[in-house]
N, C-alpha and C. Protein backbone atom coordinates (compact mmCIF):
# COMPACT_ATOMS: atom_id res chain seq x y z
N MET A 1 0.83 -1.13 0.00
CA MET A 1 -0.03 0.06 -0.11
C MET A 1 1.15 1.25 -0.02
N LYS A 2 0.64 2.12 -0.88
CA LYS A 2 1.31 3.35 -1.07
C LYS A 2 0.57 4.50 0.04
N ASN A 3 1.40 5.51 0.15
CA ASN A 3 0.82 6.57 1.04
C ASN A 3 1.37 7.84 0.58
N ARG A 4 0.72 9.05 1.07
CA ARG A 4 1.26 10.34 0.91
C ARG A 4 1.86 11.18 2.12
N ILE A 5 1.98 10.24 3.08
CA ILE A 5 2.46 10.92 4.51
C ILE A 5 3.53 11.81 4.22
N GLU A 6 4.65 11.36 3.70
CA GLU A 6 5.93 12.24 3.57
C GLU A 6 5.40 13.68 2.91
N GLU A 7 4.81 13.31 1.68
CA GLU A 7 4.39 14.57 0.83
C GLU A 7 3.45 15.52 1.79
N ILE A 8 2.63 15.08 2.37
CA ILE A 8 1.58 15.96 3.15
C ILE A 8 2.24 16.55 4.35
N ARG A 9 3.09 15.77 5.14
CA ARG A 9 3.95 16.23 6.35
C ARG A 9 4.68 17.38 5.78
N ASN A 10 5.55 17.13 4.64
CA ASN A 10 6.41 18.31 4.37
C ASN A 10 5.66 19.44 3.94
N GLU A 11 4.52 19.38 3.20
CA GLU A 11 3.68 20.51 2.74
C GLU A 11 3.39 21.37 4.06
N LYS A 12 3.18 20.53 5.24
CA LYS A 12 2.60 21.37 6.34
C LYS A 12 3.90 21.80 7.32
N GLY A 13 5.06 21.28 6.78
CA GLY A 13 6.08 21.68 7.66
C GLY A 13 6.47 21.13 8.92
N ILE A 14 6.11 19.83 8.98
CA ILE A 14 6.16 19.13 10.19
C ILE A 14 7.42 18.07 10.07
N LYS A 15 8.28 18.14 11.03
CA LYS A 15 9.23 17.17 11.08
C LYS A 15 8.91 15.69 11.38
N GLN A 16 9.69 14.74 10.87
CA GLN A 16 9.29 13.53 10.86
C GLN A 16 9.26 13.15 12.61
N GLU A 17 10.09 13.61 13.23
CA GLU A 17 10.12 13.27 14.73
C GLU A 17 9.09 13.85 15.47
N ASP A 18 8.62 15.20 15.16
CA ASP A 18 7.54 15.70 15.79
C ASP A 18 6.18 15.19 15.35
N PHE A 19 6.11 14.74 13.97
CA PHE A 19 4.81 14.02 13.66
C PHE A 19 4.56 12.59 14.54
N ALA A 20 5.77 11.85 14.71
CA ALA A 20 5.75 10.70 15.46
C ALA A 20 5.11 10.83 16.71
N LYS A 21 5.76 11.88 17.42
CA LYS A 21 5.18 12.28 18.75
C LYS A 21 3.80 12.56 18.85
N LEU A 22 3.12 13.26 17.91
CA LEU A 22 1.80 13.70 17.57
C LEU A 22 1.17 12.35 17.52
N MET A 23 1.69 11.35 16.83
CA MET A 23 0.84 10.15 16.55
C MET A 23 1.16 9.18 17.72
N GLY A 24 1.95 9.42 18.44
CA GLY A 24 2.35 8.44 19.64
C GLY A 24 2.87 7.20 19.13
N VAL A 25 3.80 7.30 17.95
CA VAL A 25 4.67 6.21 17.51
C VAL A 25 6.06 6.73 17.58
N SER A 26 7.10 5.70 17.19
CA SER A 26 8.48 6.21 16.93
C SER A 26 8.73 6.87 15.64
N ARG A 27 9.84 7.59 15.60
CA ARG A 27 10.09 8.21 14.32
C ARG A 27 10.62 7.10 13.22
N GLN A 28 10.96 5.86 13.69
CA GLN A 28 11.32 4.96 12.94
C GLN A 28 9.97 4.40 12.31
N THR A 29 8.91 4.13 12.99
CA THR A 29 7.57 3.84 12.46
C THR A 29 7.19 4.78 11.27
N ILE A 30 7.29 5.95 11.55
CA ILE A 30 6.70 7.10 10.34
C ILE A 30 7.61 6.94 9.40
N SER A 31 9.22 6.56 9.49
CA SER A 31 9.93 6.40 8.49
C SER A 31 9.59 5.21 7.66
N SER A 32 9.33 4.06 8.33
CA SER A 32 8.90 2.81 7.70
C SER A 32 7.50 3.14 6.91
N LEU A 33 6.69 3.82 7.53
CA LEU A 33 5.40 4.13 6.82
C LEU A 33 5.70 4.85 5.64
N GLU A 34 6.32 5.85 5.40
CA GLU A 34 6.75 6.62 4.39
C GLU A 34 7.39 5.91 3.38
N ASN A 35 8.37 4.96 3.57
CA ASN A 35 9.20 4.26 2.65
C ASN A 35 8.35 2.85 2.20
N GLY A 36 7.10 2.79 2.59
CA GLY A 36 6.35 1.73 2.20
C GLY A 36 6.64 0.26 2.79
N ARG A 37 7.54 0.41 3.91
CA ARG A 37 8.11 -0.97 4.58
C ARG A 37 7.14 -1.40 5.67
N TYR A 38 6.09 -0.54 5.88
CA TYR A 38 5.17 -0.91 7.15
C TYR A 38 3.86 -0.55 6.82
N ASN A 39 2.86 -1.21 7.00
CA ASN A 39 1.44 -0.88 6.77
C ASN A 39 0.71 -0.71 8.28
N PRO A 40 0.24 0.59 8.32
CA PRO A 40 -0.31 0.83 9.66
C PRO A 40 -1.65 0.12 10.06
N SER A 41 -1.77 0.10 11.23
CA SER A 41 -3.35 -0.46 11.89
C SER A 41 -4.29 0.54 11.33
N ILE A 42 -5.53 0.13 11.22
CA ILE A 42 -6.67 0.92 10.86
C ILE A 42 -6.75 2.07 11.83
N LEU A 43 -6.43 1.97 13.16
CA LEU A 43 -6.64 3.03 14.00
C LEU A 43 -5.35 4.15 13.85
N LEU A 44 -4.17 3.69 13.42
CA LEU A 44 -3.22 4.72 13.17
C LEU A 44 -3.55 5.38 11.93
N ALA A 45 -3.79 4.47 10.93
CA ALA A 45 -4.29 5.09 9.67
C ALA A 45 -5.38 6.31 9.74
N HIS A 46 -6.34 6.02 10.57
CA HIS A 46 -7.35 6.93 10.80
C HIS A 46 -6.83 8.09 11.59
N LYS A 47 -6.05 7.87 12.61
CA LYS A 47 -5.40 9.05 13.48
C LYS A 47 -4.55 9.89 12.39
N ILE A 48 -3.71 9.36 11.66
CA ILE A 48 -2.98 10.07 10.47
C ILE A 48 -3.86 10.92 9.71
N ALA A 49 -4.76 10.30 9.08
CA ALA A 49 -5.74 10.92 8.05
C ALA A 49 -6.65 12.19 9.05
N ALA A 50 -7.02 11.92 10.11
CA ALA A 50 -7.83 12.70 10.89
C ALA A 50 -6.98 14.02 11.12
N TYR A 51 -5.54 13.77 11.68
CA TYR A 51 -4.64 14.80 11.93
C TYR A 51 -4.50 15.89 10.67
N PHE A 52 -4.54 15.24 9.48
CA PHE A 52 -4.29 16.07 8.26
C PHE A 52 -5.73 16.46 7.72
N GLY A 53 -6.73 16.23 8.35
CA GLY A 53 -8.02 16.71 7.75
C GLY A 53 -8.40 16.08 6.55
N MET A 54 -8.13 14.71 6.45
CA MET A 54 -8.21 14.02 5.25
C MET A 54 -9.08 12.72 5.58
N ALA A 55 -9.49 12.32 4.34
CA ALA A 55 -10.15 10.83 4.25
C ALA A 55 -8.98 9.98 4.18
N ILE A 56 -9.22 8.90 4.78
CA ILE A 56 -8.06 7.82 4.83
C ILE A 56 -7.64 7.56 3.37
N GLU A 57 -8.58 7.27 2.44
CA GLU A 57 -8.27 7.07 1.07
C GLU A 57 -7.52 8.34 0.29
N GLU A 58 -7.54 9.49 0.93
CA GLU A 58 -6.66 10.54 0.41
C GLU A 58 -5.04 10.49 0.80
N VAL A 59 -4.88 9.80 1.94
CA VAL A 59 -3.64 9.64 2.42
C VAL A 59 -2.80 8.39 2.00
N PHE A 60 -3.81 7.21 1.99
CA PHE A 60 -3.21 5.82 1.73
C PHE A 60 -4.05 5.38 0.57
N ILE A 61 -3.11 4.86 -0.36
CA ILE A 61 -3.60 4.48 -1.74
C ILE A 61 -3.14 3.03 -1.89
N PHE A 62 -4.53 2.18 -1.96
CA PHE A 62 -4.50 0.83 -1.99
C PHE A 62 -4.62 0.60 -3.38
N GLU A 63 -3.68 -0.41 -3.62
CA GLU A 63 -3.53 -0.77 -5.05
C GLU A 63 -3.60 -2.34 -5.14
N GLU A 64 -4.66 -2.88 -5.81
CA GLU A 64 -4.85 -4.39 -5.96
C GLU A 64 -3.79 -4.96 -6.95
N GLU A 65 -3.22 -5.90 -6.45
CA GLU A 65 -2.03 -6.78 -7.16
C GLU A 65 -2.62 -7.47 -8.32
């Protein structure tokens, strides 16, 4: 699953470490999410989308294989 977390976070001028604290996860988790190495729980995905004021589908792009 792809996502736009890094793009949106950078547009808002939020550092990776600060965003991780806001989401209650480690900076490494945010890095892994942004690099596509980790898929978030539905709760974390919702929290991220809600923080950005967006729908989950606007942040996370599900591609069927």
